[in-house]
Protein backbone atom coordinates (compact mmCIF):
# COMPACT_ATOMS: atom_id res chain seq x y z
CA UNK A 1 -0.22 0.75 -0.07
CA UNK A 2 1.50 3.30 -0.51
CA UNK A 3 1.37 5.14 1.31
CA UNK A 4 3.27 9.26 2.94
CA UNK A 5 2.69 10.19 6.70
CA UNK A 6 1.62 14.68 7.20
CA UNK A 7 2.43 16.90 10.28
CA UNK A 8 0.49 19.38 10.82
CA UNK A 9 2.21 21.73 12.17
CA UNK A 10 -0.10 25.27 10.72
CA UNK A 11 -2.43 26.44 13.53
CA UNK A 12 -2.78 29.18 15.08
CA UNK A 13 -1.82 27.92 18.82
CA UNK A 14 -3.41 30.78 20.85
CA UNK A 15 -4.54 28.64 23.87
CA UNK A 16 0.22 28.01 23.54
CA UNK A 17 1.23 32.21 23.84
CA UNK A 18 1.89 32.14 20.67
CA UNK A 19 4.60 28.79 20.77
CA UNK A 20 5.06 26.64 17.88
CA UNK A 21 4.15 23.93 19.26
CA UNK A 22 5.92 21.75 17.61
CA UNK A 23 9.17 23.38 18.64
CA UNK A 24 8.30 22.46 21.70
CA UNK A 25 11.18 20.05 23.88
CA UNK A 26 10.90 16.53 26.39
CA UNK A 27 14.75 16.65 27.07
CA UNK A 28 16.06 18.89 24.58
CA UNK A 29 14.73 17.66 21.50
CA UNK A 30 11.29 19.31 19.58
CA UNK A 31 7.80 17.21 19.64
CA UNK A 32 8.48 17.29 15.88
CA UNK A 33 11.99 15.27 16.72
CA UNK A 34 10.79 13.07 18.05
CA UNK A 35 8.12 12.58 15.91
CA UNK A 36 9.91 12.71 13.19
CA UNK A 37 12.06 9.90 13.87
CA UNK A 38 8.87 7.81 14.15
CA UNK A 39 7.71 7.83 10.88
CA UNK A 40 11.35 7.68 9.83
CA UNK A 41 10.74 4.51 7.23
CA UNK A 42 7.47 6.51 5.42
CA UNK A 43 9.14 7.53 1.82
CA UNK A 44 7.74 10.74 2.25
CA UNK A 45 6.95 12.72 5.42
CA UNK A 46 5.06 15.97 4.38
CA UNK A 47 4.84 18.68 7.08
CA UNK A 48 1.32 20.86 7.00
CA UNK A 49 1.89 24.57 7.63
CA UNK A 50 0.49 27.88 6.78
CA UNK A 51 0.71 31.24 4.52
CA UNK A 52 2.07 32.83 7.71
CA UNK A 53 5.38 30.80 8.04
CA UNK A 54 8.98 32.89 6.58
CA UNK A 55 10.54 31.17 3.12
CA UNK A 56 13.61 30.60 5.67
CA UNK A 57 11.40 28.14 8.32
CA UNK A 58 10.63 26.46 5.19
CA UNK A 59 13.57 26.15 4.04
CA UNK A 60 14.93 24.68 7.66
CA UNK A 61 12.30 21.50 7.69
CA UNK A 62 12.77 21.07 3.97
CA UNK A 63 16.50 20.69 4.97
CA UNK A 64 15.00 19.13 7.61
CA UNK A 65 14.23 15.70 5.13
CA UNK A 66 10.73 17.14 4.54
CA UNK A 67 8.35 17.77 1.71
CA UNK A 68 6.84 21.19 2.79
CA UNK A 69 3.06 21.48 2.51
CA UNK A 70 1.86 25.69 2.75
CA UNK A 71 -2.05 24.81 3.62
CA UNK A 72 -4.43 26.47 0.26
CA UNK A 73 -7.29 27.04 2.54
CA UNK A 74 -6.60 30.05 5.26
CA UNK A 75 -7.75 29.71 9.09
CA UNK A 76 -10.45 26.74 8.64
CA UNK A 77 -7.87 24.29 11.54
CA UNK A 78 -6.95 20.48 10.11
CA UNK A 79 -9.19 19.93 7.23
CA UNK A 80 -7.63 22.25 5.30
CA UNK A 81 -3.97 21.02 5.80
CA UNK A 82 -5.06 17.74 4.96
CA UNK A 83 -6.76 18.44 1.87
CA UNK A 84 -3.59 20.90 1.12
CA UNK A 85 -1.78 17.95 1.53
CA UNK A 86 -4.16 14.74 0.59
CA UNK A 87 -4.02 16.80 -3.46
CA UNK A 88 -0.04 17.60 -3.72
CA UNK A 89 1.30 13.98 -2.14
CA UNK A 90 2.32 11.57 -5.09
CA UNK A 91 0.89 8.55 -2.57
CA UNK A 92 -2.61 7.35 -2.22
CA UNK A 93 -2.96 7.06 1.30
CA UNK A 94 -1.38 9.43 3.97
CA UNK A 95 -0.58 8.72 7.98
CA UNK A 96 -1.69 12.31 9.56
CA UNK A 97 -0.97 13.18 13.18
CA UNK A 98 -0.18 16.02 14.23
CA UNK A 99 2.90 18.23 15.74
CA UNK A 100 1.62 18.82 19.37
CA UNK A 101 1.33 14.25 19.76
CA UNK A 102 4.40 13.52 21.06
CA UNK A 103 3.63 9.80 21.53
CA UNK A 104 2.51 8.33 18.57
CA UNK A 105 4.55 5.58 18.40
CA UNK A 106 5.26 2.70 15.70
CA UNK A 107 2.62 0.15 16.67
CA UNK A 108 -0.04 2.58 16.67
CA UNK A 109 0.29 3.18 13.28
CA UNK A 110 1.10 -0.43 11.47
CA UNK A 111 -2.02 -1.06 13.87
CA UNK A 112 -3.74 1.04 11.51
CA UNK A 113 -2.32 0.36 8.45
CA UNK A 114 -2.75 -3.37 9.26
CA UNK A 115 -6.54 -2.39 9.41
CA UNK A 116 -6.08 -0.66 5.76
CA UNK A 117 -8.36 -1.94 3.06
CA UNK A 118 -8.37 -0.31 -0.85
CA UNK A 119 -12.23 0.56 -0.29
CA UNK A 120 -11.27 2.13 3.20
CA UNK A 121 -11.99 6.44 3.19
CA UNK A 122 -9.85 5.53 6.54
CA UNK A 123 -9.26 3.76 10.01
CA UNK A 124 -8.86 5.73 13.11
CA UNK A 125 -8.25 5.00 17.28
CA UNK A 126 -12.00 5.58 19.07
CA UNK A 127 -11.99 6.17 23.12
CA UNK A 128 -15.07 5.30 24.70
CA UNK A 129 -17.09 5.85 22.09
CA UNK A 130 -15.24 8.62 20.75
CA UNK A 131 -13.97 9.05 17.11
CA UNK A 132 -10.10 10.16 16.76
CA UNK A 133 -9.66 11.95 13.11
CA UNK A 134 -5.82 12.22 13.60
CA UNK A 135 -3.58 10.21 14.25
CA UNK A 136 -5.06 8.21 11.66
CA UNK A 137 -5.08 7.15 8.42
CA UNK A 138 -6.78 9.08 5.50
CA UNK A 139 -7.69 7.85 1.70
CA UNK A 140 -6.93 10.87 -1.44
CA UNK A 141 -10.36 9.27 -2.23
CA UNK A 142 -11.77 12.01 0.65
CA UNK A 143 -10.84 15.58 -1.46
CA UNK A 144 -13.89 15.11 -2.95
CA UNK A 145 -15.64 15.30 1.15
CA UNK A 146 -12.97 18.28 1.77
CA UNK A 147 -13.57 19.35 -0.74
CA UNK A 148 -17.41 19.73 -0.63
CA UNK A 149 -17.68 20.39 3.07
CA UNK A 150 -14.54 23.55 2.94
CA UNK A 151 -17.21 25.12 0.33
CA UNK A 152 -19.83 24.36 2.50
CA UNK A 153 -18.11 26.32 5.49
CA UNK A 154 -17.33 23.10 7.78
CA UNK A 155 -14.31 22.33 8.98
CA UNK A 156 -15.25 19.50 11.51
CA UNK A 157 -13.03 16.54 10.68
CA UNK A 158 -15.91 14.11 12.58
CA UNK A 159 -18.66 15.03 10.23
CA UNK A 160 -15.35 13.92 7.25
CA UNK A 161 -15.04 11.27 9.10
CA UNK A 162 -18.92 10.66 9.81
CA UNK A 163 -20.27 10.46 6.19
CA UNK A 164 -16.65 8.62 4.20
CA UNK A 165 -16.33 4.81 4.60
CA UNK A 166 -14.02 4.32 7.38
CA UNK A 167 -13.27 1.90 9.72
CA UNK A 168 -12.94 1.86 13.45
CA UNK A 169 -10.02 0.89 16.12
CA UNK A 170 -11.49 1.07 19.76
CA UNK A 171 -8.53 1.45 21.54
CA UNK A 172 -10.09 -0.62 24.54
CA UNK A 173 -9.18 -3.59 22.46
CA UNK A 174 -5.45 -2.97 21.40
CA UNK A 175 -2.98 -3.51 23.76
CA UNK A 176 -1.79 0.25 22.84
CA UNK A 177 -1.33 3.20 25.79
CA UNK A 178 -3.61 6.14 25.69
CA UNK A 179 -1.22 8.35 25.58
CA UNK A 180 -1.62 7.39 21.87
CA UNK A 181 -4.05 10.63 21.56
CA UNK A 182 -2.92 12.74 24.10
CA UNK A 183 -1.81 16.03 21.64
CA UNK A 184 -0.41 18.86 24.10
CA UNK A 185 -2.54 21.75 23.78
CA UNK A 186 -1.43 24.11 26.38
CA UNK A 187 0.98 25.98 28.42
CA UNK A 188 -0.58 24.74 30.77
CA UNK A 189 -0.54 21.41 29.82
CA UNK A 190 2.88 21.46 28.46
CA UNK A 191 4.07 22.50 31.93
CA UNK A 192 2.47 19.10 33.59
CA UNK A 193 3.96 17.77 31.12
CA UNK A 194 8.17 18.34 31.90
CA UNK A 195 6.81 18.19 35.48
CA UNK A 196 6.01 14.90 34.63
CA UNK A 197 9.60 13.83 32.79
CA UNK A 198 11.76 15.90 35.19
CA UNK A 199 10.66 13.32 38.20
């Protein structure tokens, strides 16, 4: 199966005081570096950024071996980044994660890949019956659904998923840790994370 990886890093970072979440560090290693190391087996790792990123910043990410995709759509959240990447990627599928999810691992990605089938639009985890649309695999088949929703100014990924042909993997039925779905959204969450690592 022809699959690449995408890291979403084009958010507003407003709850993080404007700091780029992918550049936050755990033990001197940025979230972005941690995630890239997990994604090393993919033929291409795409990085989704918004138009606010400078050409110098984009050059730096390209030097890290990333294929940078600048959002086609402005300020519509993850939907815009995912749709832009699916349109620009050469693979038929993308594993999609976010730069504020530093605990994804190869086992969780492998579980998703094992369950991906040719006629399926997406494979994603759920926890307590709640679907997690990030940390999932999406097919290029999703592009037309996305464009339709975007044209109607509907940007919720869950609406996209529920209108597609998807496979749900309950986390409770696996040996995977809940941490794989955890994202660090706020300064308080980041400070708590650092305290845990410094114990």
